Amino acid sequence: MKITSLIIALVATTALIALGQEGTVEEVKQGAKKAGETVKSGLETAGKKTKETAETVGRKTKETAETVGEKTKETAKTVHRKSKKALKKAKAETSEQKSTNQAPNTPSPSDR
């Protein structure tokens, strides 16, 4: 009877240990599943934030390029206008110098 009791006690202990391990395995599985879901959620959030940031950067870059283009166009117009004005002024000065440097058509008294 002592041996039978001992065997029953060992079988019962082994069964309890096995059941306890199964419970632990299930808890580990559930914990791993929750951790995986959390990681997945975090990655999705990071992906959305990255996409939003990329869109914002793209929009700002486009706006900056348009502004630079407008400023360059304005500057080119100003330079062109000033160049034309300077050219007209130079032509006027050249014409003025030609008219004042011309010799008179009347003969000098020594030529007679």
Protein backbone atom coordinates (compact mmCIF):
# COMPACT_ATOMS: atom_id res chain seq x y z
CA MET A 1 0.00 0.00 0.00
CA LYS A 2 2.88 2.33 0.71
CA ILE A 3 4.23 1.81 -2.81
CA THR A 4 0.81 2.36 -4.36
CA SER A 5 0.34 5.54 -2.36
CA LEU A 6 3.77 6.71 -3.37
CA ILE A 7 3.07 5.99 -7.05
CA ILE A 8 -0.30 7.79 -6.89
CA ALA A 9 1.36 10.78 -5.20
CA LEU A 10 4.07 10.88 -7.87
CA VAL A 11 1.53 10.60 -10.72
CA ALA A 12 -0.61 13.32 -9.16
CA THR A 13 2.40 15.58 -8.66
CA THR A 14 3.54 15.01 -12.24
CA ALA A 15 0.03 15.73 -13.55
CA LEU A 16 -0.17 18.96 -11.54
CA ILE A 17 3.25 20.05 -12.78
CA ALA A 18 2.26 19.30 -16.38
CA LEU A 19 -1.00 21.25 -15.99
CA GLY A 20 0.88 24.11 -14.41
CA GLN A 21 3.33 24.17 -17.31
CA GLU A 22 0.48 24.21 -19.81
CA GLY A 23 -1.01 27.20 -18.06
CA THR A 24 2.35 28.94 -18.12
CA VAL A 25 2.79 28.15 -21.81
CA GLU A 26 -0.64 29.65 -22.55
CA GLU A 27 0.26 32.77 -20.57
CA VAL A 28 3.51 33.09 -22.50
CA LYS A 29 1.64 32.67 -25.79
CA GLN A 30 -0.87 35.35 -24.83
CA GLY A 31 1.89 37.69 -23.69
CA ALA A 32 3.78 37.18 -26.92
CA LYS A 33 0.61 37.81 -28.93
CA LYS A 34 -0.05 41.07 -27.04
CA ALA A 35 3.56 42.15 -27.51
CA GLY A 36 3.33 41.40 -31.23
CA GLU A 37 0.13 43.43 -31.53
CA THR A 38 1.75 46.33 -29.68
CA VAL A 39 4.79 46.26 -31.97
CA LYS A 40 2.54 46.08 -35.05
CA SER A 41 0.48 49.03 -33.82
CA GLY A 42 3.64 51.03 -33.11
CA LEU A 43 5.00 50.32 -36.57
CA GLU A 44 1.73 51.36 -38.19
CA THR A 45 1.75 54.61 -36.22
CA ALA A 46 5.38 55.27 -37.14
CA GLY A 47 4.57 54.58 -40.80
CA LYS A 48 1.69 57.06 -40.75
CA LYS A 49 3.82 59.72 -39.06
CA THR A 50 6.63 59.19 -41.58
CA LYS A 51 4.20 59.50 -44.47
CA GLU A 52 2.70 62.70 -43.02
CA THR A 53 6.16 64.16 -42.49
CA ALA A 54 7.21 63.29 -46.03
CA GLU A 55 4.08 64.95 -47.42
CA THR A 56 4.72 68.08 -45.35
CA VAL A 57 8.35 68.25 -46.45
CA GLY A 58 7.29 67.81 -50.08
CA ARG A 59 4.68 70.55 -49.82
CA LYS A 60 7.13 72.97 -48.13
CA THR A 61 9.81 72.20 -50.73
CA LYS A 62 7.37 72.93 -53.54
CA GLU A 63 6.30 76.22 -51.92
CA THR A 64 9.93 77.26 -51.45
CA ALA A 65 10.79 76.41 -55.06
CA GLU A 66 7.85 78.49 -56.28
CA THR A 67 8.89 81.43 -54.11
CA VAL A 68 12.50 81.23 -55.31
CA GLY A 69 11.27 81.07 -58.90
CA GLU A 70 9.13 84.18 -58.45
CA LYS A 71 11.97 86.11 -56.79
CA THR A 72 14.38 85.09 -59.55
CA LYS A 73 11.92 86.22 -62.21
CA GLU A 74 11.42 89.57 -60.45
CA THR A 75 15.17 90.05 -60.11
CA ALA A 76 15.71 89.26 -63.79
CA LYS A 77 13.07 91.82 -64.79
CA THR A 78 14.70 94.46 -62.57
CA VAL A 79 18.16 93.75 -63.97
CA HIS A 80 16.82 93.88 -67.52
CA ARG A 81 15.05 97.19 -66.88
CA LYS A 82 18.17 98.73 -65.30
CA SER A 83 20.35 97.46 -68.14
CA LYS A 84 18.06 99.04 -70.74
CA LYS A 85 18.08 102.31 -68.81
CA ALA A 86 21.89 102.29 -68.56
CA LEU A 87 22.19 101.50 -72.28
CA LYS A 88 19.90 104.40 -73.24
CA LYS A 89 21.87 106.72 -70.97
CA ALA A 90 25.19 105.59 -72.50
CA LYS A 91 23.82 106.10 -76.03
CA ALA A 92 22.59 109.56 -75.11
CA GLU A 93 25.96 110.51 -73.66
CA THR A 94 27.75 109.19 -76.74
CA SER A 95 25.47 111.17 -79.06
CA GLU A 96 25.99 114.27 -76.97
CA GLN A 97 29.78 113.89 -77.13
CA LYS A 98 29.70 113.48 -80.92
CA SER A 99 27.70 116.66 -81.38
CA THR A 100 30.02 118.75 -79.18
CA ASN A 101 33.22 117.41 -80.80
CA GLN A 102 32.29 118.29 -84.36
CA ALA A 103 34.34 120.99 -86.05
CA PRO A 104 32.52 124.05 -87.41
CA ASN A 105 31.91 124.17 -91.17
CA THR A 106 33.14 127.73 -91.54
CA PRO A 107 36.70 128.14 -92.72
CA SER A 108 39.16 129.62 -90.34
CA PRO A 109 40.80 132.98 -91.21
CA SER A 110 44.14 131.35 -91.81
CA ASP A 111 42.70 129.10 -94.54
CA ARG A 112 42.07 132.11 -96.85
